[in-house]
């Protein structure tokens, strides 16, 4: 599973909640995936307590991964209000369509120390 986000800002926020007090540098990779290759999973389709039940969301992701129904799955982020329109995009590297993913750009990002 490759875990991505709709925007660099959301990717940074998602990463920052897992950091433990260090100045971090990472590479951001912007990719293009055709809309036809992305399945959308709304908050209404997730278990009722999805925001606090990580195991339930992992099971949903594993079920989607095994199904090979699509190259990518767009899911809501627990960190931002769904009304923002932003979400996370899970990419299934086992899917036959991975060759259609196009890298747009790659660059180094250093997180501001205040995000620790």
N, C-alpha and C. Protein backbone atom coordinates (compact mmCIF):
# COMPACT_ATOMS: atom_id res chain seq x y z
N UNK A 1 0.85 -1.17 0.00
CA UNK A 1 0.00 0.00 0.00
C UNK A 1 0.89 1.23 0.00
N UNK A 2 0.60 2.15 -0.88
CA UNK A 2 1.28 3.44 -0.91
C UNK A 2 0.26 4.48 -0.46
N UNK A 3 0.61 5.20 0.58
CA UNK A 3 -0.30 6.14 1.22
C UNK A 3 0.05 7.54 0.75
N UNK A 4 -0.88 8.23 0.09
CA UNK A 4 -0.64 9.58 -0.43
C UNK A 4 -1.78 10.50 0.00
N UNK A 5 -1.67 11.77 -0.40
CA UNK A 5 -2.71 12.75 -0.07
C UNK A 5 -2.98 13.61 -1.30
N UNK A 6 -4.14 14.27 -1.29
CA UNK A 6 -4.53 15.15 -2.39
C UNK A 6 -3.64 16.37 -2.55
N UNK A 7 -3.01 16.80 -1.45
CA UNK A 7 -2.21 18.02 -1.50
C UNK A 7 -0.95 17.85 -0.66
N UNK A 8 0.05 18.68 -0.95
CA UNK A 8 1.27 18.66 -0.16
C UNK A 8 0.98 19.06 1.28
N UNK A 9 0.06 20.00 1.47
CA UNK A 9 -0.29 20.44 2.83
C UNK A 9 -0.87 19.28 3.64
N UNK A 10 -1.80 18.52 3.05
CA UNK A 10 -2.38 17.39 3.78
C UNK A 10 -1.34 16.30 3.99
N UNK A 11 -0.50 16.04 3.01
CA UNK A 11 0.56 15.04 3.18
C UNK A 11 1.48 15.43 4.33
N UNK A 12 1.81 16.70 4.43
CA UNK A 12 2.66 17.19 5.51
C UNK A 12 1.97 17.02 6.86
N UNK A 13 0.70 17.35 6.92
CA UNK A 13 -0.06 17.19 8.15
C UNK A 13 -0.14 15.72 8.55
N UNK A 14 -0.43 14.85 7.60
CA UNK A 14 -0.51 13.42 7.86
C UNK A 14 0.83 12.88 8.37
N UNK A 15 1.92 13.33 7.78
CA UNK A 15 3.26 12.90 8.21
C UNK A 15 3.59 13.44 9.59
N UNK A 16 3.26 14.69 9.85
CA UNK A 16 3.67 15.34 11.09
C UNK A 16 3.07 14.69 12.34
N UNK A 17 1.91 14.07 12.23
CA UNK A 17 1.31 13.45 13.41
C UNK A 17 2.05 12.18 13.83
N UNK A 18 2.95 11.70 12.96
CA UNK A 18 3.70 10.48 13.27
C UNK A 18 5.16 10.76 13.63
N UNK A 19 5.54 12.00 13.68
CA UNK A 19 6.93 12.34 13.97
C UNK A 19 7.15 12.47 15.47
N UNK A 20 8.39 12.26 15.86
CA UNK A 20 8.72 12.33 17.30
C UNK A 20 9.84 13.33 17.54
N UNK A 21 9.54 14.61 17.29
CA UNK A 21 10.43 15.67 17.70
C UNK A 21 11.73 15.86 16.97
N UNK A 22 11.81 15.56 15.72
CA UNK A 22 13.05 15.77 14.98
C UNK A 22 12.77 16.64 13.75
N UNK A 23 13.79 17.38 13.32
CA UNK A 23 13.67 18.11 12.06
C UNK A 23 13.75 17.07 10.95
N UNK A 24 12.76 17.06 10.08
CA UNK A 24 12.65 15.98 9.11
C UNK A 24 12.71 16.53 7.69
N UNK A 25 13.47 15.85 6.87
CA UNK A 25 13.50 16.14 5.44
C UNK A 25 12.96 14.91 4.72
N UNK A 26 12.15 15.12 3.72
CA UNK A 26 11.64 14.01 2.95
C UNK A 26 11.47 14.44 1.50
N UNK A 27 11.19 13.51 0.64
CA UNK A 27 10.94 13.82 -0.77
C UNK A 27 9.44 13.80 -1.02
N UNK A 28 8.96 14.83 -1.66
CA UNK A 28 7.58 14.87 -2.10
C UNK A 28 7.56 14.46 -3.57
N UNK A 29 6.65 13.60 -3.91
CA UNK A 29 6.51 13.15 -5.29
C UNK A 29 5.07 13.39 -5.72
N UNK A 30 4.90 14.27 -6.69
CA UNK A 30 3.57 14.52 -7.24
C UNK A 30 3.36 13.54 -8.38
N UNK A 31 2.23 12.82 -8.33
CA UNK A 31 1.91 11.87 -9.38
C UNK A 31 0.56 12.20 -9.98
N UNK A 32 0.34 11.70 -11.17
CA UNK A 32 -0.94 11.87 -11.85
C UNK A 32 -1.56 10.49 -12.04
N UNK A 33 -2.77 10.33 -11.54
CA UNK A 33 -3.52 9.09 -11.71
C UNK A 33 -4.85 9.46 -12.35
N UNK A 34 -5.19 8.79 -13.41
CA UNK A 34 -6.44 9.09 -14.11
C UNK A 34 -7.64 8.83 -13.20
N UNK A 35 -8.65 9.68 -13.32
CA UNK A 35 -9.86 9.54 -12.51
C UNK A 35 -10.49 8.15 -12.64
N UNK A 36 -10.41 7.56 -13.82
CA UNK A 36 -11.02 6.24 -14.02
C UNK A 36 -10.32 5.16 -13.20
N UNK A 37 -9.11 5.42 -12.74
CA UNK A 37 -8.35 4.46 -11.95
C UNK A 37 -8.54 4.64 -10.44
N UNK A 38 -9.38 5.60 -10.05
CA UNK A 38 -9.57 5.90 -8.62
C UNK A 38 -11.00 5.59 -8.21
N UNK A 39 -11.13 4.80 -7.16
CA UNK A 39 -12.43 4.53 -6.53
C UNK A 39 -12.54 5.44 -5.32
N UNK A 40 -13.70 6.03 -5.11
CA UNK A 40 -13.93 6.93 -3.97
C UNK A 40 -14.66 6.18 -2.87
N UNK A 41 -14.18 6.32 -1.64
CA UNK A 41 -14.83 5.74 -0.47
C UNK A 41 -15.19 6.90 0.45
N UNK A 42 -16.46 7.18 0.58
CA UNK A 42 -16.89 8.31 1.41
C UNK A 42 -16.94 7.90 2.88
N UNK A 43 -17.02 8.89 3.74
CA UNK A 43 -17.11 8.64 5.18
C UNK A 43 -18.36 7.82 5.50
N UNK A 44 -19.43 8.01 4.73
CA UNK A 44 -20.67 7.26 4.95
C UNK A 44 -20.51 5.76 4.70
N UNK A 45 -19.53 5.41 3.88
CA UNK A 45 -19.31 4.00 3.55
C UNK A 45 -18.34 3.31 4.51
N UNK A 46 -17.74 4.08 5.40
CA UNK A 46 -16.81 3.53 6.39
C UNK A 46 -17.55 3.12 7.65
N UNK A 47 -16.94 2.29 8.49
CA UNK A 47 -17.58 1.94 9.75
C UNK A 47 -17.93 3.21 10.54
N UNK A 48 -18.97 3.14 11.34
CA UNK A 48 -19.50 4.31 12.05
C UNK A 48 -18.42 5.04 12.86
N UNK A 49 -17.56 4.33 13.50
CA UNK A 49 -16.52 4.95 14.35
C UNK A 49 -15.16 4.95 13.66
N UNK A 50 -15.14 5.15 12.35
CA UNK A 50 -13.90 5.04 11.59
C UNK A 50 -12.81 5.99 12.07
N UNK A 51 -13.17 7.13 12.60
CA UNK A 51 -12.15 8.10 13.03
C UNK A 51 -11.37 7.62 14.25
N UNK A 52 -11.95 6.75 15.05
CA UNK A 52 -11.26 6.26 16.24
C UNK A 52 -10.93 4.77 16.17
N UNK A 53 -11.38 4.08 15.13
CA UNK A 53 -11.16 2.64 15.01
C UNK A 53 -10.21 2.35 13.85
N UNK A 54 -8.93 2.47 14.13
CA UNK A 54 -7.92 2.28 13.09
C UNK A 54 -7.97 0.87 12.50
N UNK A 55 -8.25 -0.13 13.32
CA UNK A 55 -8.32 -1.51 12.83
C UNK A 55 -9.43 -1.67 11.79
N UNK A 56 -10.55 -1.02 12.01
CA UNK A 56 -11.67 -1.12 11.06
C UNK A 56 -11.30 -0.51 9.71
N UNK A 57 -10.61 0.64 9.74
CA UNK A 57 -10.22 1.26 8.47
C UNK A 57 -9.14 0.43 7.78
N UNK A 58 -8.26 -0.18 8.56
CA UNK A 58 -7.25 -1.06 7.96
C UNK A 58 -7.90 -2.27 7.30
N UNK A 59 -8.91 -2.83 7.93
CA UNK A 59 -9.62 -3.96 7.32
C UNK A 59 -10.28 -3.56 6.01
N UNK A 60 -10.88 -2.37 5.99
CA UNK A 60 -11.51 -1.88 4.75
C UNK A 60 -10.46 -1.71 3.66
N UNK A 61 -9.30 -1.17 4.02
CA UNK A 61 -8.23 -0.99 3.05
C UNK A 61 -7.67 -2.32 2.56
N UNK A 62 -7.53 -3.27 3.46
CA UNK A 62 -7.03 -4.59 3.06
C UNK A 62 -8.01 -5.30 2.13
N UNK A 63 -9.30 -5.16 2.41
CA UNK A 63 -10.33 -5.76 1.55
C UNK A 63 -10.24 -5.16 0.15
N UNK A 64 -10.11 -3.83 0.07
CA UNK A 64 -9.99 -3.17 -1.23
C UNK A 64 -8.72 -3.63 -1.94
N UNK A 65 -7.60 -3.71 -1.22
CA UNK A 65 -6.32 -4.12 -1.82
C UNK A 65 -6.44 -5.51 -2.44
N UNK A 66 -6.99 -6.44 -1.69
CA UNK A 66 -7.13 -7.82 -2.18
C UNK A 66 -8.07 -7.91 -3.39
N UNK A 67 -9.07 -7.04 -3.44
CA UNK A 67 -10.06 -7.11 -4.52
C UNK A 67 -9.48 -6.71 -5.88
N UNK A 68 -8.43 -5.89 -5.87
CA UNK A 68 -7.83 -5.35 -7.11
C UNK A 68 -8.86 -4.62 -7.97
N UNK A 69 -9.89 -4.06 -7.33
CA UNK A 69 -10.98 -3.39 -8.07
C UNK A 69 -10.53 -2.09 -8.74
N UNK A 70 -9.49 -1.43 -8.18
CA UNK A 70 -8.99 -0.20 -8.78
C UNK A 70 -7.55 0.02 -8.36
N UNK A 71 -6.88 0.86 -9.10
CA UNK A 71 -5.49 1.19 -8.81
C UNK A 71 -5.37 2.02 -7.53
N UNK A 72 -6.33 2.93 -7.32
CA UNK A 72 -6.26 3.84 -6.18
C UNK A 72 -7.61 3.96 -5.50
N UNK A 73 -7.56 4.25 -4.21
CA UNK A 73 -8.76 4.42 -3.41
C UNK A 73 -8.66 5.75 -2.67
N UNK A 74 -9.59 6.65 -2.97
CA UNK A 74 -9.61 7.95 -2.29
C UNK A 74 -10.48 7.83 -1.06
N UNK A 75 -9.90 8.19 0.09
CA UNK A 75 -10.60 8.06 1.38
C UNK A 75 -10.52 9.39 2.13
N UNK A 76 -11.46 9.63 3.04
CA UNK A 76 -11.39 10.86 3.83
C UNK A 76 -10.22 10.80 4.82
N UNK A 77 -9.73 11.96 5.18
CA UNK A 77 -8.67 12.06 6.19
C UNK A 77 -9.32 12.31 7.54
N UNK A 78 -8.81 11.67 8.56
CA UNK A 78 -9.32 11.91 9.90
C UNK A 78 -8.85 13.27 10.42
N UNK A 79 -7.84 13.86 9.79
CA UNK A 79 -7.23 15.08 10.28
C UNK A 79 -7.88 16.37 9.79
N UNK A 80 -8.64 16.31 8.71
CA UNK A 80 -9.27 17.53 8.19
C UNK A 80 -10.76 17.30 8.00
N UNK A 81 -11.51 18.35 8.09
CA UNK A 81 -12.95 18.28 7.90
C UNK A 81 -13.25 17.85 6.46
N UNK A 82 -14.15 16.91 6.30
CA UNK A 82 -14.50 16.39 4.97
C UNK A 82 -14.99 17.47 4.04
N UNK A 83 -15.54 18.55 4.59
CA UNK A 83 -16.06 19.64 3.75
C UNK A 83 -14.95 20.36 3.00
N UNK A 84 -13.67 20.12 3.40
CA UNK A 84 -12.54 20.74 2.70
C UNK A 84 -12.37 20.15 1.30
N UNK A 85 -12.92 18.96 1.10
CA UNK A 85 -12.76 18.29 -0.19
C UNK A 85 -11.44 17.55 -0.32
N UNK A 86 -10.58 17.65 0.69
CA UNK A 86 -9.30 16.95 0.63
C UNK A 86 -9.42 15.54 1.18
N UNK A 87 -8.57 14.67 0.74
CA UNK A 87 -8.57 13.31 1.23
C UNK A 87 -7.24 12.65 0.95
N UNK A 88 -7.14 11.41 1.37
CA UNK A 88 -5.96 10.61 1.13
C UNK A 88 -6.23 9.65 -0.02
N UNK A 89 -5.19 9.32 -0.74
CA UNK A 89 -5.32 8.41 -1.86
C UNK A 89 -4.38 7.23 -1.62
N UNK A 90 -4.97 6.06 -1.49
CA UNK A 90 -4.20 4.84 -1.30
C UNK A 90 -3.95 4.23 -2.67
N UNK A 91 -2.72 3.84 -2.92
CA UNK A 91 -2.35 3.24 -4.20
C UNK A 91 -2.00 1.78 -3.96
N UNK A 92 -2.57 0.90 -4.77
CA UNK A 92 -2.31 -0.53 -4.66
C UNK A 92 -1.19 -0.91 -5.63
N UNK A 93 0.02 -1.14 -5.13
CA UNK A 93 1.14 -1.46 -6.02
C UNK A 93 1.00 -2.82 -6.69
N UNK A 94 0.07 -3.66 -6.24
CA UNK A 94 -0.15 -4.97 -6.86
C UNK A 94 -1.09 -4.89 -8.06
N UNK A 95 -1.68 -3.72 -8.30
CA UNK A 95 -2.65 -3.58 -9.39
C UNK A 95 -1.93 -3.49 -10.74
N UNK A 96 -2.53 -4.07 -11.76
CA UNK A 96 -1.94 -4.08 -13.11
C UNK A 96 -1.75 -2.70 -13.71
N UNK A 97 -2.50 -1.70 -13.24
CA UNK A 97 -2.47 -0.37 -13.84
C UNK A 97 -1.37 0.53 -13.27
N UNK A 98 -0.50 0.02 -12.42
CA UNK A 98 0.53 0.89 -11.81
C UNK A 98 1.41 1.56 -12.86
N UNK A 99 1.59 0.94 -14.00
CA UNK A 99 2.42 1.54 -15.06
C UNK A 99 1.81 2.83 -15.60
N UNK A 100 0.52 3.04 -15.37
CA UNK A 100 -0.14 4.26 -15.86
C UNK A 100 0.07 5.45 -14.92
N UNK A 101 0.65 5.24 -13.75
CA UNK A 101 0.92 6.36 -12.85
C UNK A 101 2.07 7.18 -13.44
N UNK A 102 1.84 8.47 -13.57
CA UNK A 102 2.87 9.35 -14.14
C UNK A 102 3.44 10.26 -13.05
N UNK A 103 4.76 10.26 -12.91
CA UNK A 103 5.39 11.18 -11.97
C UNK A 103 5.44 12.56 -12.61
N UNK A 104 4.90 13.55 -11.92
CA UNK A 104 4.86 14.93 -12.41
C UNK A 104 6.10 15.68 -11.98
N UNK A 105 6.42 15.58 -10.70
CA UNK A 105 7.62 16.23 -10.18
C UNK A 105 8.01 15.60 -8.85
N UNK A 106 9.28 15.83 -8.47
CA UNK A 106 9.82 15.32 -7.21
C UNK A 106 10.71 16.41 -6.64
N UNK A 107 10.57 16.66 -5.34
CA UNK A 107 11.38 17.70 -4.72
C UNK A 107 11.56 17.42 -3.23
N UNK A 108 12.58 18.02 -2.65
CA UNK A 108 12.90 17.84 -1.24
C UNK A 108 12.07 18.81 -0.41
N UNK A 109 11.56 18.32 0.71
CA UNK A 109 10.78 19.13 1.63
C UNK A 109 11.40 18.99 3.02
N UNK A 110 11.59 20.11 3.70
CA UNK A 110 12.05 20.08 5.08
C UNK A 110 10.94 20.64 5.94
N UNK A 111 10.47 19.85 6.87
CA UNK A 111 9.38 20.28 7.73
C UNK A 111 9.85 21.32 8.73
N UNK A 112 9.07 22.33 8.93
CA UNK A 112 9.33 23.34 9.94
C UNK A 112 9.35 22.67 11.32
N UNK A 113 10.28 23.03 12.13
CA UNK A 113 10.42 22.41 13.45
C UNK A 113 9.18 22.60 14.33
N UNK A 114 8.36 23.58 14.05
CA UNK A 114 7.15 23.80 14.85
C UNK A 114 6.11 22.71 14.64
N UNK A 115 6.27 21.89 13.60
CA UNK A 115 5.31 20.82 13.32
C UNK A 115 5.55 19.58 14.16
N UNK A 116 6.58 19.58 14.98
CA UNK A 116 6.88 18.39 15.79
C UNK A 116 5.82 18.13 16.79
